[in-house]
C-alpha atoms as a PDB file:
ATOM      1  CA  MET A   1     -22.342  27.774  -4.085  1.00  0.00           C
ATOM      2  CA  THR A   2     -22.494  27.799  -7.878  1.00  0.00           C
ATOM      3  CA  SER A   3     -21.811  30.672 -10.274  1.00  0.00           C
ATOM      4  CA  LYS A   4     -20.773  31.059 -13.895  1.00  0.00           C
ATOM      5  CA  GLU A   5     -17.144  31.066 -12.726  1.00  0.00           C
ATOM      6  CA  GLY A   6     -17.409  27.686 -11.021  1.00  0.00           C
ATOM      7  CA  THR A   7     -18.607  25.856  -7.937  1.00  0.00           C
ATOM      8  CA  VAL A   8     -17.638  26.000  -4.291  1.00  0.00           C
ATOM      9  CA  ARG A   9     -18.915  22.982  -2.376  1.00  0.00           C
ATOM     10  CA  SER A  10     -18.442  21.090   0.862  1.00  0.00           C
ATOM     11  CA  LEU A  11     -16.428  17.901   0.924  1.00  0.00           C
ATOM     12  CA  SER A  12     -18.152  14.585   0.395  1.00  0.00           C
ATOM     13  CA  LEU A  13     -17.849  12.156   3.297  1.00  0.00           C
ATOM     14  CA  ASP A  14     -15.251  10.209   1.312  1.00  0.00           C
ATOM     15  CA  GLU A  15     -13.171  13.361   0.684  1.00  0.00           C
ATOM     16  CA  TRP A  16     -13.483  14.453   4.310  1.00  0.00           C
ATOM     17  CA  PHE A  17     -12.356  11.066   5.658  1.00  0.00           C
ATOM     18  CA  LEU A  18      -9.438  11.007   3.211  1.00  0.00           C
ATOM     19  CA  SER A  19      -8.257  14.371   4.537  1.00  0.00           C
ATOM     20  CA  ILE A  20      -8.394  13.009   8.098  1.00  0.00           C
ATOM     21  CA  GLN A  21      -6.224  10.043   7.116  1.00  0.00           C
ATOM     22  CA  LEU A  22      -3.705  12.221   5.298  1.00  0.00           C
ATOM     23  CA  ASP A  23      -3.408  14.519   8.299  1.00  0.00           C
ATOM     24  CA  LYS A  24      -2.496  11.454  10.375  1.00  0.00           C
ATOM     25  CA  ILE A  25       0.187  10.348   7.935  1.00  0.00           C
ATOM     26  CA  LYS A  26       1.851  13.759   8.427  1.00  0.00           C
ATOM     27  CA  ASP A  27       2.755  12.610  11.961  1.00  0.00           C
ATOM     28  CA  GLY A  28       5.660  10.746  10.380  1.00  0.00           C
ATOM     29  CA  PHE A  29       8.851  12.197   8.873  1.00  0.00           C
ATOM     30  CA  HIS A  30       8.880  10.762   5.379  1.00  0.00           C
ATOM     31  CA  LEU A  31      11.700  10.770   2.859  1.00  0.00           C
ATOM     32  CA  PRO A  32      11.480   9.687  -0.806  1.00  0.00           C
ATOM     33  CA  PHE A  33      13.839   7.047  -2.206  1.00  0.00           C
ATOM     34  CA  ARG A  34      13.949   5.442  -5.638  1.00  0.00           C
ATOM     35  CA  VAL A  35      15.511   2.267  -6.950  1.00  0.00           C
ATOM     36  CA  LYS A  36      15.603   0.676 -10.404  1.00  0.00           C
ATOM     37  CA  VAL A  37      15.702  -3.108 -10.567  1.00  0.00           C
ATOM     38  CA  ASP A  38      16.582  -5.371 -13.484  1.00  0.00           C
ATOM     39  CA  ILE A  39      13.810  -7.996 -13.636  1.00  0.00           C
ATOM     40  CA  THR A  40      14.673  -9.354 -17.103  1.00  0.00           C
ATOM     41  CA  HIS A  41      15.297 -12.849 -15.741  1.00  0.00           C
ATOM     42  CA  LEU A  42      11.798 -12.996 -14.207  1.00  0.00           C
ATOM     43  CA  VAL A  43      10.085 -11.629 -17.317  1.00  0.00           C
ATOM     44  CA  GLU A  44      11.860 -14.192 -19.506  1.00  0.00           C
ATOM     45  CA  LYS A  45      11.086 -17.009 -17.085  1.00  0.00           C
ATOM     46  CA  TYR A  46       7.356 -16.262 -17.091  1.00  0.00           C
ATOM     47  CA  GLU A  47       7.267 -15.738 -20.856  1.00  0.00           C
ATOM     48  CA  ALA A  48       8.924 -19.140 -21.318  1.00  0.00           C
ATOM     49  CA  GLU A  49       6.137 -20.652 -19.207  1.00  0.00           C
ATOM     50  CA  ASN A  50       3.461 -18.712 -21.146  1.00  0.00           C
ATOM     51  CA  LYS A  51       2.516 -16.864 -17.989  1.00  0.00           C
ATOM     52  CA  LYS A  52       1.993 -13.179 -17.310  1.00  0.00           C
ATOM     53  CA  LEU A  53       4.238 -11.740 -14.627  1.00  0.00           C
ATOM     54  CA  SER A  54       2.144  -9.780 -12.127  1.00  0.00           C
ATOM     55  CA  LEU A  55       4.344  -6.897 -10.999  1.00  0.00           C
ATOM     56  CA  THR A  56       1.986  -6.093  -8.124  1.00  0.00           C
ATOM     57  CA  SER A  57       2.188  -9.642  -6.784  1.00  0.00           C
ATOM     58  CA  LEU A  58       5.943  -9.596  -7.341  1.00  0.00           C
ATOM     59  CA  LEU A  59       6.363  -6.504  -5.154  1.00  0.00           C
ATOM     60  CA  ILE A  60       4.097  -7.967  -2.466  1.00  0.00           C
ATOM     61  CA  LYS A  61       6.030 -11.239  -2.324  1.00  0.00           C
ATOM     62  CA  ALA A  62       9.423  -9.500  -2.376  1.00  0.00           C
ATOM     63  CA  SER A  63       8.289  -7.230   0.482  1.00  0.00           C
ATOM     64  CA  SER A  64       7.095 -10.232   2.464  1.00  0.00           C
ATOM     65  CA  ILE A  65      10.434 -11.988   1.953  1.00  0.00           C
ATOM     66  CA  LEU A  66      12.210  -8.805   3.048  1.00  0.00           C
ATOM     67  CA  ILE A  67      10.457  -8.679   6.416  1.00  0.00           C
ATOM     68  CA  LYS A  68      10.752 -12.458   6.799  1.00  0.00           C
ATOM     69  CA  GLU A  69      14.523 -12.262   6.474  1.00  0.00           C
ATOM     70  CA  ASN A  70      14.870  -8.847   8.174  1.00  0.00           C
ATOM     71  CA  PRO A  71      12.197  -8.453  10.890  1.00  0.00           C
ATOM     72  CA  GLU A  72      13.621  -5.053  11.869  1.00  0.00           C
ATOM     73  CA  TYR A  73      11.901  -3.565   8.801  1.00  0.00           C
ATOM     74  CA  ASN A  74       8.519  -4.928   9.909  1.00  0.00           C
ATOM     75  CA  ARG A  75       7.359  -1.770  11.693  1.00  0.00           C
ATOM     76  CA  ALA A  76       4.627   0.851  11.798  1.00  0.00           C
ATOM     77  CA  PHE A  77       4.543   4.244  13.532  1.00  0.00           C
ATOM     78  CA  PHE A  78       1.688   5.536  15.674  1.00  0.00           C
ATOM     79  CA  LYS A  79       1.429   8.958  17.301  1.00  0.00           C
ATOM     80  CA  THR A  80      -1.162   8.352  20.006  1.00  0.00           C
ATOM     81  CA  ILE A  81      -2.657  10.303  22.890  1.00  0.00           C
ATOM     82  CA  PHE A  82      -0.382   8.178  25.078  1.00  0.00           C
ATOM     83  CA  GLY A  83       2.756   9.168  23.169  1.00  0.00           C
ATOM     84  CA  LYS A  84       4.604   7.923  20.122  1.00  0.00           C
ATOM     85  CA  LYS A  85       4.556   4.161  19.591  1.00  0.00           C
ATOM     86  CA  ILE A  86       6.315   1.772  17.242  1.00  0.00           C
ATOM     87  CA  VAL A  87       4.394  -1.385  16.371  1.00  0.00           C
ATOM     88  CA  GLU A  88       6.433  -4.487  15.543  1.00  0.00           C
ATOM     89  CA  PRO A  89       4.185  -7.346  14.362  1.00  0.00           C
ATOM     90  CA  ASN A  90       5.241 -10.920  15.097  1.00  0.00           C
ATOM     91  CA  TYR A  91       3.436 -12.049  11.934  1.00  0.00           C
ATOM     92  CA  ASN A  92       4.223 -11.384   8.269  1.00  0.00           C
ATOM     93  CA  ALA A  93       1.747  -9.164   6.429  1.00  0.00           C
ATOM     94  CA  VAL A  94       1.924  -6.637   3.587  1.00  0.00           C
ATOM     95  CA  ASN A  95      -0.653  -3.843   3.322  1.00  0.00           C
ATOM     96  CA  VAL A  96      -2.068  -3.234  -0.148  1.00  0.00           C
ATOM     97  CA  PRO A  97      -4.539  -0.467  -1.076  1.00  0.00           C
ATOM     98  CA  ILE A  98      -7.030  -1.727  -3.670  1.00  0.00           C
ATOM     99  CA  GLU A  99      -9.613  -0.031  -5.845  1.00  0.00           C
ATOM    100  CA  ILE A 100     -13.093  -1.538  -5.950  1.00  0.00           C
ATOM    101  CA  ASN A 101     -15.698  -0.584  -8.562  1.00  0.00           C
ATOM    102  CA  HIS A 102     -19.148  -0.377  -7.002  1.00  0.00           C
ATOM    103  CA  ASN A 103     -22.025   0.881  -9.166  1.00  0.00           C
ATOM    104  CA  GLN A 104     -19.564   2.904 -11.261  1.00  0.00           C
ATOM    105  CA  ILE A 105     -18.096   4.426  -8.096  1.00  0.00           C
ATOM    106  CA  LYS A 106     -14.408   3.832  -7.415  1.00  0.00           C
ATOM    107  CA  ILE A 107     -13.862   2.887  -3.778  1.00  0.00           C
ATOM    108  CA  VAL A 108     -10.415   2.593  -2.212  1.00  0.00           C
ATOM    109  CA  SER A 109     -10.096  -0.128   0.388  1.00  0.00           C
ATOM    110  CA  SER A 110      -7.158  -2.022   1.846  1.00  0.00           C
ATOM    111  CA  VAL A 111      -6.125  -5.614   2.398  1.00  0.00           C
ATOM    112  CA  ALA A 112      -3.237  -7.175   4.318  1.00  0.00           C
ATOM    113  CA  ILE A 113      -1.785 -10.133   2.429  1.00  0.00           C
ATOM    114  CA  GLN A 114      -0.604 -12.689   4.984  1.00  0.00           C
ATOM    115  CA  ASP A 115       2.594 -14.765   4.574  1.00  0.00           C
ATOM    116  CA  ALA A 116       3.076 -13.844   0.922  1.00  0.00           C
ATOM    117  CA  TYR A 117       6.685 -15.076   1.076  1.00  0.00           C
ATOM    118  CA  GLN A 118       5.453 -18.678   0.921  1.00  0.00           C
ATOM    119  CA  LYS A 119       2.823 -18.142  -1.796  1.00  0.00           C
ATOM    120  CA  SER A 120       3.081 -18.185  -5.575  1.00  0.00           C
ATOM    121  CA  LEU A 121       2.517 -14.973  -7.510  1.00  0.00           C
ATOM    122  CA  GLU A 122      -0.607 -16.553  -8.973  1.00  0.00           C
ATOM    123  CA  THR A 123      -2.020 -17.212  -5.504  1.00  0.00           C
ATOM    124  CA  ILE A 124      -1.339 -13.626  -4.442  1.00  0.00           C
ATOM    125  CA  SER A 125      -3.036 -12.335  -7.603  1.00  0.00           C
ATOM    126  CA  SER A 126      -6.069 -14.504  -6.884  1.00  0.00           C
ATOM    127  CA  GLU A 127      -6.328 -13.107  -3.350  1.00  0.00           C
ATOM    128  CA  LEU A 128      -6.238  -9.550  -4.700  1.00  0.00           C
ATOM    129  CA  LYS A 129      -8.937 -10.323  -7.279  1.00  0.00           C
ATOM    130  CA  LYS A 130     -11.113 -11.828  -4.551  1.00  0.00           C
ATOM    131  CA  GLU A 131     -10.733  -8.693  -2.421  1.00  0.00           C
ATOM    132  CA  LYS A 132     -11.537  -6.451  -5.394  1.00  0.00           C
ATOM    133  CA  SER A 133     -14.765  -8.381  -5.994  1.00  0.00           C
ATOM    134  CA  LYS A 134     -16.149  -7.482  -2.567  1.00  0.00           C
ATOM    135  CA  THR A 135     -19.216  -5.295  -2.180  1.00  0.00           C
ATOM    136  CA  LEU A 136     -20.013  -2.518   0.284  1.00  0.00           C
ATOM    137  CA  GLU A 137     -21.865  -5.078   2.390  1.00  0.00           C
ATOM    138  CA  ASP A 138     -18.520  -6.804   2.948  1.00  0.00           C
ATOM    139  CA  LEU A 139     -16.837  -3.521   3.947  1.00  0.00           C
ATOM    140  CA  PRO A 140     -18.657  -1.892   6.891  1.00  0.00           C
ATOM    141  CA  VAL A 141     -16.458   1.222   7.090  1.00  0.00           C
ATOM    142  CA  ASN A 142     -16.574   1.838   3.352  1.00  0.00           C
ATOM    143  CA  LYS A 143     -20.328   1.273   3.461  1.00  0.00           C
ATOM    144  CA  LEU A 144     -20.552   4.135   5.924  1.00  0.00           C
ATOM    145  CA  ILE A 145     -18.224   6.371   3.890  1.00  0.00           C
ATOM    146  CA  HIS A 146     -20.082   5.848   0.628  1.00  0.00           C
ATOM    147  CA  GLY A 147     -23.519   5.522   2.195  1.00  0.00           C
ATOM    148  CA  PRO A 148     -25.996   8.163   3.383  1.00  0.00           C
ATOM    149  CA  GLY A 149     -23.814  11.265   2.981  1.00  0.00           C
ATOM    150  CA  ASN A 150     -21.694  13.855   4.755  1.00  0.00           C
ATOM    151  CA  TYR A 151     -23.803  14.325   7.843  1.00  0.00           C
ATOM    152  CA  TYR A 152     -22.680  15.129  11.369  1.00  0.00           C
ATOM    153  CA  LEU A 153     -23.580  11.700  12.786  1.00  0.00           C
ATOM    154  CA  ASN A 154     -21.710   9.878  10.013  1.00  0.00           C
ATOM    155  CA  LYS A 155     -18.629  12.039  10.529  1.00  0.00           C
ATOM    156  CA  LEU A 156     -18.817  11.395  14.263  1.00  0.00           C
ATOM    157  CA  LYS A 157     -18.913   7.631  13.686  1.00  0.00           C
ATOM    158  CA  LEU A 158     -15.937   7.764  11.333  1.00  0.00           C
ATOM    159  CA  ARG A 159     -13.970  10.057  13.626  1.00  0.00           C
ATOM    160  CA  LEU A 160     -14.564   7.627  16.515  1.00  0.00           C
ATOM    161  CA  ILE A 161     -13.449   4.638  14.432  1.00  0.00           C
ATOM    162  CA  PHE A 162     -10.341   6.466  13.314  1.00  0.00           C
ATOM    163  CA  PHE A 163      -9.588   7.705  16.838  1.00  0.00           C
ATOM    164  CA  VAL A 164      -9.650   4.169  18.245  1.00  0.00           C
ATOM    165  CA  PHE A 165      -7.562   2.808  15.367  1.00  0.00           C
ATOM    166  CA  SER A 166      -4.974   5.622  15.602  1.00  0.00           C
ATOM    167  CA  ASN A 167      -4.563   5.684  19.368  1.00  0.00           C
ATOM    168  CA  PHE A 168      -4.797   2.016  20.298  1.00  0.00           C
ATOM    169  CA  PRO A 169      -2.241   0.165  18.127  1.00  0.00           C
ATOM    170  CA  GLY A 170      -3.343  -3.130  19.669  1.00  0.00           C
ATOM    171  CA  PHE A 171      -6.345  -3.031  17.310  1.00  0.00           C
ATOM    172  CA  TYR A 172      -3.926  -2.771  14.392  1.00  0.00           C
ATOM    173  CA  LEU A 173      -2.229  -5.969  15.522  1.00  0.00           C
ATOM    174  CA  LYS A 174      -5.551  -7.749  16.106  1.00  0.00           C
ATOM    175  CA  LYS A 175      -6.525  -6.933  12.515  1.00  0.00           C
ATOM    176  CA  HIS A 176      -3.110  -8.203  11.389  1.00  0.00           C
ATOM    177  CA  GLY A 177      -2.114  -4.915   9.794  1.00  0.00           C
ATOM    178  CA  GLY A 178       1.211  -5.135   7.976  1.00  0.00           C
ATOM    179  CA  GLY A 179       4.596  -3.628   8.755  1.00  0.00           C
ATOM    180  CA  ILE A 180       5.303  -2.764   5.126  1.00  0.00           C
ATOM    181  CA  SER A 181       3.001  -1.476   2.379  1.00  0.00           C
ATOM    182  CA  VAL A 182       2.831  -1.852  -1.393  1.00  0.00           C
ATOM    183  CA  SER A 183       0.932   0.718  -3.419  1.00  0.00           C
ATOM    184  CA  SER A 184       0.476  -0.479  -7.001  1.00  0.00           C
ATOM    185  CA  LEU A 185      -0.633   1.751  -9.882  1.00  0.00           C
ATOM    186  CA  PHE A 186       0.022  -0.672 -12.747  1.00  0.00           C
ATOM    187  CA  SER A 187      -3.663  -1.312 -13.448  1.00  0.00           C
ATOM    188  CA  VAL A 188      -4.341   2.433 -13.565  1.00  0.00           C
ATOM    189  CA  ASN A 189      -1.369   3.255 -15.799  1.00  0.00           C
ATOM    190  CA  LYS A 190      -2.591   1.076 -18.662  1.00  0.00           C
ATOM    191  CA  SER A 191      -0.426   2.824 -21.276  1.00  0.00           C
ATOM    192  CA  ASN A 192       2.693   2.198 -19.154  1.00  0.00           C
ATOM    193  CA  ASP A 193       3.663   5.868 -19.149  1.00  0.00           C
ATOM    194  CA  ASP A 194       6.803   6.861 -17.283  1.00  0.00           C
ATOM    195  CA  ILE A 195       5.104   7.833 -14.030  1.00  0.00           C
ATOM    196  CA  LEU A 196       7.123   8.223 -10.841  1.00  0.00           C
ATOM    197  CA  ALA A 197       4.940   8.300  -7.739  1.00  0.00           C
ATOM    198  CA  THR A 198       6.001   8.088  -4.107  1.00  0.00           C
ATOM    199  CA  ALA A 199       3.491   6.950  -1.497  1.00  0.00           C
ATOM    200  CA  TYR A 200       3.631   7.509   2.257  1.00  0.00           C
ATOM    201  CA  GLY A 201       1.897   5.723   5.091  1.00  0.00           C
ATOM    202  CA  MET A 202       2.127   4.536   8.672  1.00  0.00           C
ATOM    203  CA  THR A 203       4.509   1.682   7.890  1.00  0.00           C
ATOM    204  CA  ALA A 204       8.263   2.216   7.916  1.00  0.00           C
ATOM    205  CA  LEU A 205       8.471   1.435   4.199  1.00  0.00           C
ATOM    206  CA  VAL A 206       5.881   2.064   1.494  1.00  0.00           C
ATOM    207  CA  LEU A 207       6.726   0.734  -1.952  1.00  0.00           C
ATOM    208  CA  CYS A 208       4.991   2.339  -4.913  1.00  0.00           C
ATOM    209  CA  SER A 209       5.344   1.611  -8.615  1.00  0.00           C
ATOM    210  CA  ALA A 210       3.364   2.466 -11.724  1.00  0.00           C
ATOM    211  CA  ASN A 211       5.346   1.148 -14.698  1.00  0.00           C
ATOM    212  CA  SER A 212       8.230  -0.894 -16.015  1.00  0.00           C
ATOM    213  CA  TYR A 213      10.400  -0.099 -19.026  1.00  0.00           C
ATOM    214  CA  LYS A 214      12.760  -1.785 -21.473  1.00  0.00           C
ATOM    215  CA  LYS A 215      16.287  -0.685 -22.299  1.00  0.00           C
ATOM    216  CA  GLU A 216      18.757  -2.600 -24.462  1.00  0.00           C
ATOM    217  CA  ASN A 217      16.642  -5.783 -24.316  1.00  0.00           C
ATOM    218  CA  LYS A 218      16.424  -5.606 -20.551  1.00  0.00           C
ATOM    219  CA  THR A 219      13.313  -4.960 -18.442  1.00  0.00           C
ATOM    220  CA  PHE A 220      13.564  -2.624 -15.469  1.00  0.00           C
ATOM    221  CA  LEU A 221      11.134  -1.950 -12.662  1.00  0.00           C
ATOM    222  CA  THR A 222      11.209   1.473 -11.006  1.00  0.00           C
ATOM    223  CA  ILE A 223      10.170   1.435  -7.361  1.00  0.00           C
ATOM    224  CA  ASN A 224       9.561   4.620  -5.416  1.00  0.00           C
ATOM    225  CA  ILE A 225       9.823   4.272  -1.662  1.00  0.00           C
ATOM    226  CA  GLY A 226       8.306   6.375   1.069  1.00  0.00           C
ATOM    227  CA  PHE A 227      10.499   5.913   4.131  1.00  0.00           C
ATOM    228  CA  ASP A 228       9.497   7.055   7.622  1.00  0.00           C
ATOM    229  CA  HIS A 229      12.721   8.365   9.136  1.00  0.00           C
ATOM    230  CA  GLY A 230      11.056   8.392  12.546  1.00  0.00           C
ATOM    231  CA  VAL A 231      10.966   4.587  12.575  1.00  0.00           C
ATOM    232  CA  ASN A 232      14.407   3.715  11.177  1.00  0.00           C
ATOM    233  CA  HIS A 233      17.679   5.459  10.380  1.00  0.00           C
ATOM    234  CA  GLY A 234      18.425   6.415   6.786  1.00  0.00           C
ATOM    235  CA  ALA A 235      21.162   3.796   6.589  1.00  0.00           C
ATOM    236  CA  ASP A 236      18.562   1.158   7.484  1.00  0.00           C
ATOM    237  CA  CYS A 237      16.472   2.205   4.500  1.00  0.00           C
ATOM    238  CA  VAL A 238      19.418   1.877   2.127  1.00  0.00           C
ATOM    239  CA  ARG A 239      20.177  -1.574   3.569  1.00  0.00           C
ATOM    240  CA  ALA A 240      16.530  -2.564   3.163  1.00  0.00           C
ATOM    241  CA  LEU A 241      16.490  -1.441  -0.473  1.00  0.00           C
ATOM    242  CA  SER A 242      19.741  -3.262  -1.214  1.00  0.00           C
ATOM    243  CA  GLN A 243      18.198  -6.403   0.259  1.00  0.00           C
ATOM    244  CA  LEU A 244      15.021  -5.849  -1.780  1.00  0.00           C
ATOM    245  CA  VAL A 245      17.041  -5.580  -5.003  1.00  0.00           C
ATOM    246  CA  SER A 246      18.829  -8.810  -4.068  1.00  0.00           C
ATOM    247  CA  ILE A 247      15.486 -10.553  -3.466  1.00  0.00           C
ATOM    248  CA  LEU A 248      14.118  -9.414  -6.821  1.00  0.00           C
ATOM    249  CA  GLY A 249      17.247 -10.787  -8.430  1.00  0.00           C
ATOM    250  CA  ARG A 250      16.325 -14.326  -7.437  1.00  0.00           C
ATOM    251  CA  ASN A 251      14.882 -16.793  -9.925  1.00  0.00           C
ATOM    252  CA  ASN A 252      12.472 -18.623  -7.591  1.00  0.00           C
ATOM    253  CA  LEU A 253       9.899 -15.870  -7.030  1.00  0.00           C
END
């Protein structure tokens, strides 16, 4: 419905499916945490090597090291028709939402970076670039979401896909979904404004960052953490963040 005051419209299929996913995330009990990390030593190291430090890749690798050294943080929460379930992968994977530009349409997809703890930051960056170069033909679910339109049959297909994924965690493991997530907004926040954003998801920990800043010749990275209290105790989150800060303090990342 359109009038001089504005427009009232139905959701696009993309908007409708997003609302379904967000409703599912509400099954958890999320708390926001924030930590500031001094990464001056890493910035100086990469500058000395005439390299650009990828903060997204840095967070992915640090997260992978965290769950390598502390497997108890490698968890995801599922509220299924069979009851509440906690998934504990035996592999090491970090979930990363990515934005793909397709015919001037921004499409959000996701990739799970495997064994990032043993990869260089450059290798991780290359994997992300490769994923971002994919087309709709490479992404069957996204092809459906951004395809014909918001019709009943399309919604039924998506609801079925999401039902299976949400209620049968074994599929999550078969797809090698991660037990920790990194949501990066650095490429969106091109002016490096002081943006503090907390992301939530199905994993016990979701790390989100949008900018870094300098103070007294030091470079700091602000990381906002969405923590699912239903998966771990609050003390576990503080221990995990302390370990993460320690990891980021290393020189060999």
